[in-house]
Amino acid sequence: NGGITNYADSVKGRFTISRDNAKNT
């Protein structure tokens, strides 16, 4: 909820996760 991210090694540098808490998305 606070924006701390973790990625699988296979996607690091290629994928980006983000969220919009106001939209629960």
mmCIF file of all heavy atoms, coordinates in Angstrom:
data_MODEL
# 
_entry.id   MODEL 
# 
loop_
_atom_site.group_PDB 
_atom_site.id 
_atom_site.type_symbol 
_atom_site.label_atom_id 
_atom_site.label_alt_id 
_atom_site.label_comp_id 
_atom_site.label_asym_id 
_atom_site.label_entity_id 
_atom_site.label_seq_id 
_atom_site.pdbx_PDB_ins_code 
_atom_site.Cartn_x 
_atom_site.Cartn_y 
_atom_site.Cartn_z 
_atom_site.occupancy 
_atom_site.B_iso_or_equiv 
_atom_site.pdbx_formal_charge 
_atom_site.auth_seq_id 
_atom_site.auth_comp_id 
_atom_site.auth_asym_id 
_atom_site.auth_atom_id 
_atom_site.pdbx_PDB_model_num 
ATOM 1   N N   . ASN A 1 1  ? 0.820   -1.200  0.000   1.00 0.00 ? 1  ASN A N   1 
ATOM 2   C CA  . ASN A 1 1  ? 0.000   0.000   0.000   1.00 0.00 ? 1  ASN A CA  1 
ATOM 3   C C   . ASN A 1 1  ? 0.861   1.259   0.000   1.00 0.00 ? 1  ASN A C   1 
ATOM 4   O O   . ASN A 1 1  ? 0.460   2.293   -0.540  1.00 0.00 ? 1  ASN A O   1 
ATOM 5   C CB  . ASN A 1 1  ? -0.937  -0.008  1.212   1.00 0.00 ? 1  ASN A CB  1 
ATOM 6   C CG  . ASN A 1 1  ? -1.888  1.166   1.228   1.00 0.00 ? 1  ASN A CG  1 
ATOM 7   O OD1 . ASN A 1 1  ? -1.627  2.185   1.874   1.00 0.00 ? 1  ASN A OD1 1 
ATOM 8   N ND2 . ASN A 1 1  ? -2.999  1.028   0.518   1.00 0.00 ? 1  ASN A ND2 1 
ATOM 9   N N   . GLY A 1 2  ? 2.049   1.165   0.611   1.00 0.00 ? 2  GLY A N   1 
ATOM 10  C CA  . GLY A 1 2  ? 2.952   2.296   0.674   1.00 0.00 ? 2  GLY A CA  1 
ATOM 11  C C   . GLY A 1 2  ? 3.880   2.426   -0.516  1.00 0.00 ? 2  GLY A C   1 
ATOM 12  O O   . GLY A 1 2  ? 4.695   3.352   -0.558  1.00 0.00 ? 2  GLY A O   1 
ATOM 13  N N   . GLY A 1 3  ? 3.781   1.500   -1.477  1.00 0.00 ? 3  GLY A N   1 
ATOM 14  C CA  . GLY A 1 3  ? 4.550   1.621   -2.700  1.00 0.00 ? 3  GLY A CA  1 
ATOM 15  C C   . GLY A 1 3  ? 5.863   0.859   -2.745  1.00 0.00 ? 3  GLY A C   1 
ATOM 16  O O   . GLY A 1 3  ? 6.656   1.055   -3.670  1.00 0.00 ? 3  GLY A O   1 
ATOM 17  N N   . ILE A 1 4  ? 6.114   -0.015  -1.778  1.00 0.00 ? 4  ILE A N   1 
ATOM 18  C CA  . ILE A 1 4  ? 7.319   -0.828  -1.804  1.00 0.00 ? 4  ILE A CA  1 
ATOM 19  C C   . ILE A 1 4  ? 7.129   -1.980  -2.781  1.00 0.00 ? 4  ILE A C   1 
ATOM 20  O O   . ILE A 1 4  ? 6.141   -2.705  -2.710  1.00 0.00 ? 4  ILE A O   1 
ATOM 21  C CB  . ILE A 1 4  ? 7.657   -1.368  -0.405  1.00 0.00 ? 4  ILE A CB  1 
ATOM 22  C CG1 . ILE A 1 4  ? 7.888   -0.209  0.569   1.00 0.00 ? 4  ILE A CG1 1 
ATOM 23  C CG2 . ILE A 1 4  ? 8.884   -2.273  -0.460  1.00 0.00 ? 4  ILE A CG2 1 
ATOM 24  C CD1 . ILE A 1 4  ? 8.057   -0.636  2.008   1.00 0.00 ? 4  ILE A CD1 1 
ATOM 25  N N   . THR A 1 5  ? 8.077   -2.149  -3.680  1.00 0.00 ? 5  THR A N   1 
ATOM 26  C CA  . THR A 1 5  ? 7.938   -3.132  -4.750  1.00 0.00 ? 5  THR A CA  1 
ATOM 27  C C   . THR A 1 5  ? 8.947   -4.261  -4.646  1.00 0.00 ? 5  THR A C   1 
ATOM 28  O O   . THR A 1 5  ? 10.029  -4.111  -4.075  1.00 0.00 ? 5  THR A O   1 
ATOM 29  C CB  . THR A 1 5  ? 8.097   -2.467  -6.127  1.00 0.00 ? 5  THR A CB  1 
ATOM 30  O OG1 . THR A 1 5  ? 9.400   -1.866  -6.219  1.00 0.00 ? 5  THR A OG1 1 
ATOM 31  C CG2 . THR A 1 5  ? 7.043   -1.387  -6.329  1.00 0.00 ? 5  THR A CG2 1 
ATOM 32  N N   . ASN A 1 6  ? 8.575   -5.398  -5.216  1.00 0.00 ? 6  ASN A N   1 
ATOM 33  C CA  . ASN A 1 6  ? 9.461   -6.544  -5.370  1.00 0.00 ? 6  ASN A CA  1 
ATOM 34  C C   . ASN A 1 6  ? 9.215   -7.157  -6.738  1.00 0.00 ? 6  ASN A C   1 
ATOM 35  O O   . ASN A 1 6  ? 8.076   -7.191  -7.213  1.00 0.00 ? 6  ASN A O   1 
ATOM 36  C CB  . ASN A 1 6  ? 9.216   -7.590  -4.284  1.00 0.00 ? 6  ASN A CB  1 
ATOM 37  C CG  . ASN A 1 6  ? 9.882   -7.251  -2.976  1.00 0.00 ? 6  ASN A CG  1 
ATOM 38  O OD1 . ASN A 1 6  ? 11.103  -7.270  -2.878  1.00 0.00 ? 6  ASN A OD1 1 
ATOM 39  N ND2 . ASN A 1 6  ? 9.083   -6.935  -1.966  1.00 0.00 ? 6  ASN A ND2 1 
ATOM 40  N N   . TYR A 1 7  ? 10.290  -7.629  -7.354  1.00 0.00 ? 7  TYR A N   1 
ATOM 41  C CA  . TYR A 1 7  ? 10.197  -8.215  -8.681  1.00 0.00 ? 7  TYR A CA  1 
ATOM 42  C C   . TYR A 1 7  ? 10.891  -9.563  -8.738  1.00 0.00 ? 7  TYR A C   1 
ATOM 43  O O   . TYR A 1 7  ? 11.895  -9.793  -8.062  1.00 0.00 ? 7  TYR A O   1 
ATOM 44  C CB  . TYR A 1 7  ? 10.858  -7.313  -9.725  1.00 0.00 ? 7  TYR A CB  1 
ATOM 45  C CG  . TYR A 1 7  ? 10.192  -5.975  -9.910  1.00 0.00 ? 7  TYR A CG  1 
ATOM 46  C CD1 . TYR A 1 7  ? 10.621  -4.870  -9.185  1.00 0.00 ? 7  TYR A CD1 1 
ATOM 47  C CD2 . TYR A 1 7  ? 9.144   -5.818  -10.810 1.00 0.00 ? 7  TYR A CD2 1 
ATOM 48  C CE1 . TYR A 1 7  ? 10.009  -3.637  -9.355  1.00 0.00 ? 7  TYR A CE1 1 
ATOM 49  C CE2 . TYR A 1 7  ? 8.531   -4.589  -10.986 1.00 0.00 ? 7  TYR A CE2 1 
ATOM 50  C CZ  . TYR A 1 7  ? 8.973   -3.498  -10.251 1.00 0.00 ? 7  TYR A CZ  1 
ATOM 51  O OH  . TYR A 1 7  ? 8.373   -2.273  -10.418 1.00 0.00 ? 7  TYR A OH  1 
ATOM 52  N N   . ALA A 1 8  ? 10.356  -10.437 -9.573  1.00 0.00 ? 8  ALA A N   1 
ATOM 53  C CA  . ALA A 1 8  ? 11.057  -11.663 -9.883  1.00 0.00 ? 8  ALA A CA  1 
ATOM 54  C C   . ALA A 1 8  ? 12.315  -11.324 -10.668 1.00 0.00 ? 8  ALA A C   1 
ATOM 55  O O   . ALA A 1 8  ? 12.329  -10.372 -11.456 1.00 0.00 ? 8  ALA A O   1 
ATOM 56  C CB  . ALA A 1 8  ? 10.166  -12.594 -10.695 1.00 0.00 ? 8  ALA A CB  1 
ATOM 57  N N   . ASP A 1 9  ? 13.379  -12.097 -10.467 1.00 0.00 ? 9  ASP A N   1 
ATOM 58  C CA  . ASP A 1 9  ? 14.634  -11.829 -11.157 1.00 0.00 ? 9  ASP A CA  1 
ATOM 59  C C   . ASP A 1 9  ? 14.467  -11.826 -12.673 1.00 0.00 ? 9  ASP A C   1 
ATOM 60  O O   . ASP A 1 9  ? 15.141  -11.063 -13.379 1.00 0.00 ? 9  ASP A O   1 
ATOM 61  C CB  . ASP A 1 9  ? 15.687  -12.860 -10.765 1.00 0.00 ? 9  ASP A CB  1 
ATOM 62  C CG  . ASP A 1 9  ? 16.192  -12.679 -9.348  1.00 0.00 ? 9  ASP A CG  1 
ATOM 63  O OD1 . ASP A 1 9  ? 16.024  -11.581 -8.782  1.00 0.00 ? 9  ASP A OD1 1 
ATOM 64  O OD2 . ASP A 1 9  ? 16.761  -13.642 -8.805  1.00 0.00 ? 9  ASP A OD2 1 
ATOM 65  N N   . SER A 1 10 ? 13.572  -12.644 -13.173 1.00 0.00 ? 10 SER A N   1 
ATOM 66  C CA  . SER A 1 10 ? 13.394  -12.787 -14.604 1.00 0.00 ? 10 SER A CA  1 
ATOM 67  C C   . SER A 1 10 ? 12.800  -11.556 -15.283 1.00 0.00 ? 10 SER A C   1 
ATOM 68  O O   . SER A 1 10 ? 12.885  -11.422 -16.505 1.00 0.00 ? 10 SER A O   1 
ATOM 69  C CB  . SER A 1 10 ? 12.512  -14.001 -14.909 1.00 0.00 ? 10 SER A CB  1 
ATOM 70  O OG  . SER A 1 10 ? 11.241  -13.865 -14.315 1.00 0.00 ? 10 SER A OG  1 
ATOM 71  N N   . VAL A 1 11 ? 12.208  -10.649 -14.498 1.00 0.00 ? 11 VAL A N   1 
ATOM 72  C CA  . VAL A 1 11 ? 11.566  -9.480  -15.095 1.00 0.00 ? 11 VAL A CA  1 
ATOM 73  C C   . VAL A 1 11 ? 12.178  -8.163  -14.654 1.00 0.00 ? 11 VAL A C   1 
ATOM 74  O O   . VAL A 1 11 ? 11.770  -7.098  -15.143 1.00 0.00 ? 11 VAL A O   1 
ATOM 75  C CB  . VAL A 1 11 ? 10.046  -9.454  -14.800 1.00 0.00 ? 11 VAL A CB  1 
ATOM 76  C CG1 . VAL A 1 11 ? 9.397   -10.766 -15.228 1.00 0.00 ? 11 VAL A CG1 1 
ATOM 77  C CG2 . VAL A 1 11 ? 9.773   -9.163  -13.331 1.00 0.00 ? 11 VAL A CG2 1 
ATOM 78  N N   . LYS A 1 12 ? 13.154  -8.203  -13.764 1.00 0.00 ? 12 LYS A N   1 
ATOM 79  C CA  . LYS A 1 12 ? 13.789  -6.977  -13.291 1.00 0.00 ? 12 LYS A CA  1 
ATOM 80  C C   . LYS A 1 12 ? 14.397  -6.202  -14.453 1.00 0.00 ? 12 LYS A C   1 
ATOM 81  O O   . LYS A 1 12 ? 15.073  -6.761  -15.306 1.00 0.00 ? 12 LYS A O   1 
ATOM 82  C CB  . LYS A 1 12 ? 14.868  -7.292  -12.257 1.00 0.00 ? 12 LYS A CB  1 
ATOM 83  C CG  . LYS A 1 12 ? 14.326  -7.716  -10.910 1.00 0.00 ? 12 LYS A CG  1 
ATOM 84  C CD  . LYS A 1 12 ? 15.446  -7.992  -9.919  1.00 0.00 ? 12 LYS A CD  1 
ATOM 85  C CE  . LYS A 1 12 ? 14.893  -8.388  -8.560  1.00 0.00 ? 12 LYS A CE  1 
ATOM 86  N NZ  . LYS A 1 12 ? 15.978  -8.735  -7.604  1.00 0.00 ? 12 LYS A NZ  1 
ATOM 87  N N   . GLY A 1 13 ? 14.142  -4.912  -14.458 1.00 0.00 ? 13 GLY A N   1 
ATOM 88  C CA  . GLY A 1 13 ? 14.645  -4.060  -15.516 1.00 0.00 ? 13 GLY A CA  1 
ATOM 89  C C   . GLY A 1 13 ? 13.752  -3.988  -16.729 1.00 0.00 ? 13 GLY A C   1 
ATOM 90  O O   . GLY A 1 13 ? 13.968  -3.144  -17.606 1.00 0.00 ? 13 GLY A O   1 
ATOM 91  N N   . ARG A 1 14 ? 12.752  -4.871  -16.799 1.00 0.00 ? 14 ARG A N   1 
ATOM 92  C CA  . ARG A 1 14 ? 11.844  -4.884  -17.948 1.00 0.00 ? 14 ARG A CA  1 
ATOM 93  C C   . ARG A 1 14 ? 10.409  -4.540  -17.560 1.00 0.00 ? 14 ARG A C   1 
ATOM 94  O O   . ARG A 1 14 ? 9.698   -3.904  -18.337 1.00 0.00 ? 14 ARG A O   1 
ATOM 95  C CB  . ARG A 1 14 ? 11.854  -6.254  -18.625 1.00 0.00 ? 14 ARG A CB  1 
ATOM 96  C CG  . ARG A 1 14 ? 13.220  -6.661  -19.169 1.00 0.00 ? 14 ARG A CG  1 
ATOM 97  C CD  . ARG A 1 14 ? 13.122  -7.922  -20.020 1.00 0.00 ? 14 ARG A CD  1 
ATOM 98  N NE  . ARG A 1 14 ? 12.661  -9.067  -19.243 1.00 0.00 ? 14 ARG A NE  1 
ATOM 99  C CZ  . ARG A 1 14 ? 11.561  -9.775  -19.518 1.00 0.00 ? 14 ARG A CZ  1 
ATOM 100 N NH1 . ARG A 1 14 ? 10.812  -9.445  -20.574 1.00 0.00 ? 14 ARG A NH1 1 
ATOM 101 N NH2 . ARG A 1 14 ? 11.216  -10.807 -18.771 1.00 0.00 ? 14 ARG A NH2 1 
ATOM 102 N N   . PHE A 1 15 ? 9.991   -4.976  -16.384 1.00 0.00 ? 15 PHE A N   1 
ATOM 103 C CA  . PHE A 1 15 ? 8.619   -4.749  -15.921 1.00 0.00 ? 15 PHE A CA  1 
ATOM 104 C C   . PHE A 1 15 ? 8.604   -3.720  -14.797 1.00 0.00 ? 15 PHE A C   1 
ATOM 105 O O   . PHE A 1 15 ? 9.549   -3.640  -14.000 1.00 0.00 ? 15 PHE A O   1 
ATOM 106 C CB  . PHE A 1 15 ? 7.998   -6.043  -15.387 1.00 0.00 ? 15 PHE A CB  1 
ATOM 107 C CG  . PHE A 1 15 ? 7.723   -7.100  -16.420 1.00 0.00 ? 15 PHE A CG  1 
ATOM 108 C CD1 . PHE A 1 15 ? 8.187   -6.991  -17.719 1.00 0.00 ? 15 PHE A CD1 1 
ATOM 109 C CD2 . PHE A 1 15 ? 6.981   -8.219  -16.071 1.00 0.00 ? 15 PHE A CD2 1 
ATOM 110 C CE1 . PHE A 1 15 ? 7.932   -7.977  -18.664 1.00 0.00 ? 15 PHE A CE1 1 
ATOM 111 C CE2 . PHE A 1 15 ? 6.713   -9.209  -16.998 1.00 0.00 ? 15 PHE A CE2 1 
ATOM 112 C CZ  . PHE A 1 15 ? 7.190   -9.092  -18.288 1.00 0.00 ? 15 PHE A CZ  1 
ATOM 113 N N   . THR A 1 16 ? 7.517   -2.974  -14.715 1.00 0.00 ? 16 THR A N   1 
ATOM 114 C CA  . THR A 1 16 ? 7.330   -2.011  -13.646 1.00 0.00 ? 16 THR A CA  1 
ATOM 115 C C   . THR A 1 16 ? 5.918   -2.127  -13.094 1.00 0.00 ? 16 THR A C   1 
ATOM 116 O O   . THR A 1 16 ? 4.949   -2.057  -13.851 1.00 0.00 ? 16 THR A O   1 
ATOM 117 C CB  . THR A 1 16 ? 7.566   -0.569  -14.128 1.00 0.00 ? 16 THR A CB  1 
ATOM 118 O OG1 . THR A 1 16 ? 8.890   -0.444  -14.657 1.00 0.00 ? 16 THR A OG1 1 
ATOM 119 C CG2 . THR A 1 16 ? 7.402   0.405   -12.966 1.00 0.00 ? 16 THR A CG2 1 
ATOM 120 N N   . ILE A 1 17 ? 5.815   -2.314  -11.782 1.00 0.00 ? 17 ILE A N   1 
ATOM 121 C CA  . ILE A 1 17 ? 4.513   -2.367  -11.138 1.00 0.00 ? 17 ILE A CA  1 
ATOM 122 C C   . ILE A 1 17 ? 4.244   -1.028  -10.462 1.00 0.00 ? 17 ILE A C   1 
ATOM 123 O O   . ILE A 1 17 ? 5.144   -0.399  -9.905  1.00 0.00 ? 17 ILE A O   1 
ATOM 124 C CB  . ILE A 1 17 ? 4.427   -3.532  -10.124 1.00 0.00 ? 17 ILE A CB  1 
ATOM 125 C CG1 . ILE A 1 17 ? 2.998   -3.696  -9.596  1.00 0.00 ? 17 ILE A CG1 1 
ATOM 126 C CG2 . ILE A 1 17 ? 5.415   -3.342  -8.976  1.00 0.00 ? 17 ILE A CG2 1 
ATOM 127 C CD1 . ILE A 1 17 ? 2.795   -4.959  -8.762  1.00 0.00 ? 17 ILE A CD1 1 
ATOM 128 N N   . SER A 1 18 ? 3.008   -0.586  -10.519 1.00 0.00 ? 18 SER A N   1 
ATOM 129 C CA  . SER A 1 18 ? 2.608   0.658   -9.878  1.00 0.00 ? 18 SER A CA  1 
ATOM 130 C C   . SER A 1 18 ? 1.152   0.541   -9.451  1.00 0.00 ? 18 SER A C   1 
ATOM 131 O O   . SER A 1 18 ? 0.453   -0.394  -9.849  1.00 0.00 ? 18 SER A O   1 
ATOM 132 C CB  . SER A 1 18 ? 2.804   1.855   -10.819 1.00 0.00 ? 18 SER A CB  1 
ATOM 133 O OG  . SER A 1 18 ? 2.007   1.723   -11.981 1.00 0.00 ? 18 SER A OG  1 
ATOM 134 N N   . ARG A 1 19 ? 0.698   1.486   -8.637  1.00 0.00 ? 19 ARG A N   1 
ATOM 135 C CA  . ARG A 1 19 ? -0.690  1.441   -8.202  1.00 0.00 ? 19 ARG A CA  1 
ATOM 136 C C   . ARG A 1 19 ? -1.244  2.832   -7.988  1.00 0.00 ? 19 ARG A C   1 
ATOM 137 O O   . ARG A 1 19 ? -0.511  3.786   -7.724  1.00 0.00 ? 19 ARG A O   1 
ATOM 138 C CB  . ARG A 1 19 ? -0.847  0.601   -6.923  1.00 0.00 ? 19 ARG A CB  1 
ATOM 139 C CG  . ARG A 1 19 ? -0.184  1.178   -5.683  1.00 0.00 ? 19 ARG A CG  1 
ATOM 140 C CD  . ARG A 1 19 ? -0.179  0.166   -4.534  1.00 0.00 ? 19 ARG A CD  1 
ATOM 141 N NE  . ARG A 1 19 ? -1.513  -0.076  -3.996  1.00 0.00 ? 19 ARG A NE  1 
ATOM 142 C CZ  . ARG A 1 19 ? -1.799  -1.027  -3.089  1.00 0.00 ? 19 ARG A CZ  1 
ATOM 143 N NH1 . ARG A 1 19 ? -0.837  -1.840  -2.662  1.00 0.00 ? 19 ARG A NH1 1 
ATOM 144 N NH2 . ARG A 1 19 ? -3.039  -1.166  -2.642  1.00 0.00 ? 19 ARG A NH2 1 
ATOM 145 N N   . ASP A 1 20 ? -2.549  2.917   -8.103  1.00 0.00 ? 20 ASP A N   1 
ATOM 146 C CA  . ASP A 1 20 ? -3.288  4.136   -7.841  1.00 0.00 ? 20 ASP A CA  1 
ATOM 147 C C   . ASP A 1 20 ? -4.275  3.794   -6.734  1.00 0.00 ? 20 ASP A C   1 
ATOM 148 O O   . ASP A 1 20 ? -5.310  3.177   -6.988  1.00 0.00 ? 20 ASP A O   1 
ATOM 149 C CB  . ASP A 1 20 ? -4.011  4.610   -9.104  1.00 0.00 ? 20 ASP A CB  1 
ATOM 150 C CG  . ASP A 1 20 ? -4.725  5.936   -8.916  1.00 0.00 ? 20 ASP A CG  1 
ATOM 151 O OD1 . ASP A 1 20 ? -5.016  6.317   -7.768  1.00 0.00 ? 20 ASP A OD1 1 
ATOM 152 O OD2 . ASP A 1 20 ? -5.006  6.603   -9.928  1.00 0.00 ? 20 ASP A OD2 1 
ATOM 153 N N   . ASN A 1 21 ? -3.942  4.166   -5.509  1.00 0.00 ? 21 ASN A N   1 
ATOM 154 C CA  . ASN A 1 21 ? -4.772  3.794   -4.372  1.00 0.00 ? 21 ASN A CA  1 
ATOM 155 C C   . ASN A 1 21 ? -6.170  4.413   -4.422  1.00 0.00 ? 21 ASN A C   1 
ATOM 156 O O   . ASN A 1 21 ? -7.126  3.824   -3.933  1.00 0.00 ? 21 ASN A O   1 
ATOM 157 C CB  . ASN A 1 21 ? -4.082  4.174   -3.065  1.00 0.00 ? 21 ASN A CB  1 
ATOM 158 C CG  . ASN A 1 21 ? -2.876  3.317   -2.771  1.00 0.00 ? 21 ASN A CG  1 
ATOM 159 O OD1 . ASN A 1 21 ? -2.726  2.218   -3.319  1.00 0.00 ? 21 ASN A OD1 1 
ATOM 160 N ND2 . ASN A 1 21 ? -1.998  3.797   -1.895  1.00 0.00 ? 21 ASN A ND2 1 
ATOM 161 N N   . ALA A 1 22 ? -6.269  5.595   -4.997  1.00 0.00 ? 22 ALA A N   1 
ATOM 162 C CA  . ALA A 1 22 ? -7.569  6.249   -5.102  1.00 0.00 ? 22 ALA A CA  1 
ATOM 163 C C   . ALA A 1 22 ? -8.526  5.455   -5.979  1.00 0.00 ? 22 ALA A C   1 
ATOM 164 O O   . ALA A 1 22 ? -9.746  5.517   -5.802  1.00 0.00 ? 22 ALA A O   1 
ATOM 165 C CB  . ALA A 1 22 ? -7.414  7.670   -5.641  1.00 0.00 ? 22 ALA A CB  1 
ATOM 166 N N   . LYS A 1 23 ? -7.972  4.710   -6.926  1.00 0.00 ? 23 LYS A N   1 
ATOM 167 C CA  . LYS A 1 23 ? -8.779  3.901   -7.836  1.00 0.00 ? 23 LYS A CA  1 
ATOM 168 C C   . LYS A 1 23 ? -8.735  2.417   -7.499  1.00 0.00 ? 23 LYS A C   1 
ATOM 169 O O   . LYS A 1 23 ? -9.355  1.618   -8.201  1.00 0.00 ? 23 LYS A O   1 
ATOM 170 C CB  . LYS A 1 23 ? -8.321  4.105   -9.273  1.00 0.00 ? 23 LYS A CB  1 
ATOM 171 C CG  . LYS A 1 23 ? -8.487  5.524   -9.794  1.00 0.00 ? 23 LYS A CG  1 
ATOM 172 C CD  . LYS A 1 23 ? -8.012  5.630   -11.232 1.00 0.00 ? 23 LYS A CD  1 
ATOM 173 C CE  . LYS A 1 23 ? -8.203  7.031   -11.771 1.00 0.00 ? 23 LYS A CE  1 
ATOM 174 N NZ  . LYS A 1 23 ? -7.743  7.145   -13.181 1.00 0.00 ? 23 LYS A NZ  1 
ATOM 175 N N   . ASN A 1 24 ? -7.990  2.052   -6.457  1.00 0.00 ? 24 ASN A N   1 
ATOM 176 C CA  . ASN A 1 24 ? -7.792  0.642   -6.098  1.00 0.00 ? 24 ASN A CA  1 
ATOM 177 C C   . ASN A 1 24 ? -7.347  -0.173  -7.310  1.00 0.00 ? 24 ASN A C   1 
ATOM 178 O O   . ASN A 1 24 ? -7.849  -1.267  -7.566  1.00 0.00 ? 24 ASN A O   1 
ATOM 179 C CB  . ASN A 1 24 ? -9.066  0.048   -5.494  1.00 0.00 ? 24 ASN A CB  1 
ATOM 180 C CG  . ASN A 1 24 ? -9.357  0.583   -4.107  1.00 0.00 ? 24 ASN A CG  1 
ATOM 181 O OD1 . ASN A 1 24 ? -8.445  0.851   -3.328  1.00 0.00 ? 24 ASN A OD1 1 
ATOM 182 N ND2 . ASN A 1 24 ? -10.632 0.739   -3.785  1.00 0.00 ? 24 ASN A ND2 1 
ATOM 183 N N   . THR A 1 25 ? -6.400  0.381   -8.028  1.00 0.00 ? 25 THR A N   1 
ATOM 184 C CA  . THR A 1 25 ? -5.943  -0.219  -9.264  1.00 0.00 ? 25 THR A CA  1 
ATOM 185 C C   . THR A 1 25 ? -4.428  -0.405  -9.254  1.00 0.00 ? 25 THR A C   1 
ATOM 186 O O   . THR A 1 25 ? -3.694  0.461   -8.779  1.00 0.00 ? 25 THR A O   1 
ATOM 187 C CB  . THR A 1 25 ? -6.348  0.652   -10.467 1.00 0.00 ? 25 THR A CB  1 
ATOM 188 O OG1 . THR A 1 25 ? -7.771  0.774   -10.507 1.00 0.00 ? 25 THR A OG1 1 
ATOM 189 C CG2 . THR A 1 25 ? -5.871  0.040   -11.774 1.00 0.00 ? 25 THR A CG2 1 
# 
